[in-house]
Amino acid sequence: MMLPRSQSGTHQLEDGCPARLIRTRYVRMNRVKARLADLDAKMALQAADEDRLAHVHSVMTRFAELSSHLPPQTEKDRLGDEA
């Protein structure tokens, strides 16, 4: 029995090279999506690290400014009356 032309063509598409090509591209696309998600996560972590670094730098600068307004301390001043 011969299949009608449309069914025969569909069957060939599923078993033939175009179907393998579609599967290969689908697998590659999923790998690329996973890699992009990984890179996005790494970039987000790096941005958070940069934000923390900027904050630490700001705090250190502010401490330096504040300390310039304080009188110098001697060893006795730091230890209190026990020295």
N, C-alpha and C. Protein backbone atom coordinates (compact mmCIF):
# COMPACT_ATOMS: atom_id res chain seq x y z
N MET A 1 0.84 -1.17 0.00
CA MET A 1 0.00 0.00 0.00
C MET A 1 0.89 1.24 0.00
N MET A 2 0.55 2.18 -0.81
CA MET A 2 1.32 3.42 -0.92
C MET A 2 0.67 4.49 -0.05
N LEU A 3 1.49 5.22 0.66
CA LEU A 3 0.98 6.32 1.46
C LEU A 3 0.75 7.53 0.57
N PRO A 4 -0.22 8.34 0.91
CA PRO A 4 -0.37 9.58 0.16
C PRO A 4 0.90 10.41 0.27
N ARG A 5 1.12 11.27 -0.67
CA ARG A 5 2.35 12.03 -0.77
C ARG A 5 2.64 12.87 0.49
N SER A 6 1.64 13.49 1.09
CA SER A 6 1.87 14.35 2.25
C SER A 6 2.35 13.53 3.45
N GLN A 7 1.77 12.36 3.68
CA GLN A 7 2.21 11.52 4.79
C GLN A 7 3.61 10.98 4.54
N SER A 8 3.89 10.60 3.33
CA SER A 8 5.21 10.08 2.99
C SER A 8 6.28 11.15 3.22
N GLY A 9 6.01 12.39 2.83
CA GLY A 9 6.97 13.48 3.02
C GLY A 9 7.21 13.77 4.49
N THR A 10 6.18 13.73 5.30
CA THR A 10 6.31 13.96 6.74
C THR A 10 7.15 12.86 7.37
N HIS A 11 6.93 11.65 6.95
CA HIS A 11 7.69 10.52 7.47
C HIS A 11 9.17 10.67 7.14
N GLN A 12 9.46 11.09 5.93
CA GLN A 12 10.85 11.30 5.54
C GLN A 12 11.49 12.44 6.33
N LEU A 13 10.73 13.47 6.61
CA LEU A 13 11.25 14.60 7.37
C LEU A 13 11.64 14.16 8.78
N GLU A 14 10.81 13.31 9.40
CA GLU A 14 11.10 12.85 10.75
C GLU A 14 12.34 11.96 10.80
N ASP A 15 12.55 11.14 9.80
CA ASP A 15 13.66 10.20 9.81
C ASP A 15 14.89 10.74 9.10
N GLY A 16 14.76 11.82 8.41
CA GLY A 16 15.85 12.29 7.57
C GLY A 16 16.73 13.33 8.22
N CYS A 17 17.59 13.86 7.43
CA CYS A 17 18.58 14.85 7.86
C CYS A 17 17.95 16.11 8.45
N PRO A 18 16.90 16.66 7.90
CA PRO A 18 16.33 17.88 8.49
C PRO A 18 15.90 17.69 9.95
N ALA A 19 15.37 16.53 10.29
CA ALA A 19 14.95 16.29 11.66
C ALA A 19 16.16 16.26 12.59
N ARG A 20 17.25 15.62 12.15
CA ARG A 20 18.47 15.60 12.97
C ARG A 20 19.03 17.01 13.11
N LEU A 21 18.95 17.78 12.06
CA LEU A 21 19.43 19.15 12.10
C LEU A 21 18.62 19.98 13.09
N ILE A 22 17.32 19.78 13.08
CA ILE A 22 16.45 20.49 14.02
C ILE A 22 16.79 20.10 15.45
N ARG A 23 16.97 18.80 15.70
CA ARG A 23 17.32 18.34 17.06
C ARG A 23 18.69 18.90 17.48
N THR A 24 19.65 18.88 16.57
CA THR A 24 20.99 19.40 16.87
C THR A 24 20.93 20.88 17.21
N ARG A 25 20.19 21.62 16.44
CA ARG A 25 20.06 23.06 16.70
C ARG A 25 19.34 23.32 18.02
N TYR A 26 18.36 22.50 18.33
CA TYR A 26 17.61 22.64 19.59
C TYR A 26 18.55 22.39 20.77
N VAL A 27 19.37 21.35 20.68
CA VAL A 27 20.32 21.03 21.74
C VAL A 27 21.32 22.17 21.89
N ARG A 28 21.83 22.66 20.78
CA ARG A 28 22.79 23.77 20.82
C ARG A 28 22.15 25.03 21.42
N MET A 29 20.92 25.29 21.03
CA MET A 29 20.21 26.46 21.54
C MET A 29 20.06 26.36 23.06
N ASN A 30 19.73 25.17 23.56
CA ASN A 30 19.60 24.97 25.00
C ASN A 30 20.94 25.17 25.71
N ARG A 31 22.02 24.72 25.09
CA ARG A 31 23.36 24.93 25.67
C ARG A 31 23.69 26.41 25.71
N VAL A 32 23.38 27.12 24.64
CA VAL A 32 23.65 28.56 24.59
C VAL A 32 22.83 29.28 25.64
N LYS A 33 21.55 28.90 25.78
CA LYS A 33 20.71 29.52 26.80
C LYS A 33 21.28 29.28 28.20
N ALA A 34 21.74 28.07 28.47
CA ALA A 34 22.31 27.76 29.78
C ALA A 34 23.59 28.57 30.00
N ARG A 35 24.40 28.69 28.97
CA ARG A 35 25.65 29.46 29.08
C ARG A 35 25.34 30.94 29.33
N LEU A 36 24.35 31.47 28.63
CA LEU A 36 23.96 32.87 28.83
C LEU A 36 23.43 33.10 30.25
N ALA A 37 22.66 32.17 30.75
CA ALA A 37 22.15 32.29 32.12
C ALA A 37 23.31 32.27 33.11
N ASP A 38 24.31 31.41 32.86
CA ASP A 38 25.49 31.35 33.72
C ASP A 38 26.25 32.67 33.67
N LEU A 39 26.44 33.21 32.49
CA LEU A 39 27.14 34.49 32.35
C LEU A 39 26.37 35.62 33.02
N ASP A 40 25.05 35.63 32.87
CA ASP A 40 24.23 36.64 33.54
C ASP A 40 24.40 36.58 35.06
N ALA A 41 24.43 35.37 35.60
CA ALA A 41 24.60 35.21 37.04
C ALA A 41 25.98 35.70 37.48
N LYS A 42 27.00 35.38 36.70
CA LYS A 42 28.36 35.84 37.04
C LYS A 42 28.45 37.36 36.96
N MET A 43 27.81 37.95 35.97
CA MET A 43 27.82 39.42 35.84
C MET A 43 27.10 40.07 37.01
N ALA A 44 26.01 39.46 37.45
CA ALA A 44 25.28 40.01 38.60
C ALA A 44 26.13 39.94 39.86
N LEU A 45 26.85 38.84 40.05
CA LEU A 45 27.74 38.72 41.20
C LEU A 45 28.86 39.75 41.14
N GLN A 46 29.41 39.93 39.94
CA GLN A 46 30.49 40.91 39.78
C GLN A 46 29.99 42.31 40.07
N ALA A 47 28.80 42.63 39.61
CA ALA A 47 28.23 43.96 39.87
C ALA A 47 28.01 44.16 41.36
N ALA A 48 27.53 43.12 42.05
CA ALA A 48 27.33 43.21 43.49
C ALA A 48 28.66 43.40 44.20
N ASP A 49 29.70 42.68 43.75
CA ASP A 49 31.03 42.84 44.33
C ASP A 49 31.56 44.25 44.12
N GLU A 50 31.33 44.79 42.93
CA GLU A 50 31.78 46.15 42.64
C GLU A 50 31.05 47.17 43.50
N ASP A 51 29.76 46.94 43.73
CA ASP A 51 28.99 47.83 44.61
C ASP A 51 29.53 47.78 46.04
N ARG A 52 29.82 46.57 46.52
CA ARG A 52 30.38 46.44 47.88
C ARG A 52 31.75 47.11 47.97
N LEU A 53 32.57 46.93 46.95
CA LEU A 53 33.90 47.54 46.94
C LEU A 53 33.78 49.06 46.97
N ALA A 54 32.87 49.61 46.20
CA ALA A 54 32.66 51.06 46.18
C ALA A 54 32.20 51.54 47.55
N HIS A 55 31.32 50.76 48.19
CA HIS A 55 30.83 51.14 49.52
C HIS A 55 31.96 51.11 50.55
N VAL A 56 32.79 50.08 50.51
CA VAL A 56 33.93 49.99 51.43
C VAL A 56 34.88 51.15 51.21
N HIS A 57 35.14 51.47 49.95
CA HIS A 57 36.02 52.60 49.64
C HIS A 57 35.44 53.90 50.20
N SER A 58 34.15 54.09 50.05
CA SER A 58 33.48 55.28 50.56
C SER A 58 33.60 55.36 52.08
N VAL A 59 33.39 54.24 52.75
CA VAL A 59 33.49 54.21 54.22
C VAL A 59 34.91 54.52 54.66
N MET A 60 35.90 53.94 53.98
CA MET A 60 37.30 54.18 54.34
C MET A 60 37.66 55.66 54.14
N THR A 61 37.17 56.25 53.06
CA THR A 61 37.43 57.67 52.81
C THR A 61 36.80 58.52 53.89
N ARG A 62 35.59 58.18 54.28
CA ARG A 62 34.89 58.94 55.33
C ARG A 62 35.62 58.81 56.67
N PHE A 63 36.09 57.61 57.00
CA PHE A 63 36.86 57.42 58.24
C PHE A 63 38.13 58.26 58.22
N ALA A 64 38.79 58.30 57.07
CA ALA A 64 40.01 59.11 56.96
C ALA A 64 39.69 60.59 57.18
N GLU A 65 38.58 61.06 56.61
CA GLU A 65 38.17 62.45 56.81
C GLU A 65 37.87 62.72 58.28
N LEU A 66 37.15 61.83 58.94
CA LEU A 66 36.79 62.01 60.34
C LEU A 66 38.03 61.96 61.24
N SER A 67 38.93 61.05 60.93
CA SER A 67 40.12 60.93 61.78
C SER A 67 41.02 62.16 61.67
N SER A 68 40.95 62.85 60.56
CA SER A 68 41.77 64.06 60.42
C SER A 68 41.26 65.18 61.33
N HIS A 69 40.03 65.07 61.80
CA HIS A 69 39.46 66.07 62.69
C HIS A 69 39.64 65.73 64.17
N LEU A 70 40.13 64.55 64.46
CA LEU A 70 40.33 64.14 65.85
C LEU A 70 41.74 64.50 66.30
N PRO A 71 41.87 64.82 67.59
CA PRO A 71 43.22 65.09 68.09
C PRO A 71 44.02 63.79 68.17
N PRO A 72 45.33 63.87 68.01
CA PRO A 72 46.13 62.64 68.10
C PRO A 72 46.07 62.07 69.51
N GLN A 73 46.10 60.76 69.61
CA GLN A 73 46.03 60.09 70.91
C GLN A 73 47.40 59.55 71.27
N THR A 74 47.72 59.60 72.54
CA THR A 74 48.93 58.98 73.03
C THR A 74 48.58 57.56 73.49
N GLU A 75 49.60 56.78 73.79
CA GLU A 75 49.35 55.41 74.26
C GLU A 75 48.55 55.43 75.56
N LYS A 76 48.83 56.39 76.42
CA LYS A 76 48.11 56.50 77.69
C LYS A 76 46.64 56.81 77.46
N ASP A 77 46.34 57.69 76.48
CA ASP A 77 44.94 58.03 76.17
C ASP A 77 44.17 56.80 75.68
N ARG A 78 44.83 55.96 74.88
CA ARG A 78 44.14 54.81 74.33
C ARG A 78 43.86 53.74 75.39
N LEU A 79 44.77 53.60 76.34
CA LEU A 79 44.60 52.56 77.35
C LEU A 79 43.77 53.02 78.54
N GLY A 80 43.61 54.30 78.68
CA GLY A 80 42.83 54.81 79.80
C GLY A 80 43.70 55.02 81.02
N ASP A 81 43.10 54.90 82.19
CA ASP A 81 43.81 55.18 83.44
C ASP A 81 44.72 54.05 83.89
N GLU A 82 44.61 52.87 83.30
CA GLU A 82 45.38 51.72 83.74
C GLU A 82 46.84 51.81 83.37
N ALA A 83 47.21 52.63 82.39
CA ALA A 83 48.59 52.68 81.92
C ALA A 83 49.49 53.43 82.84
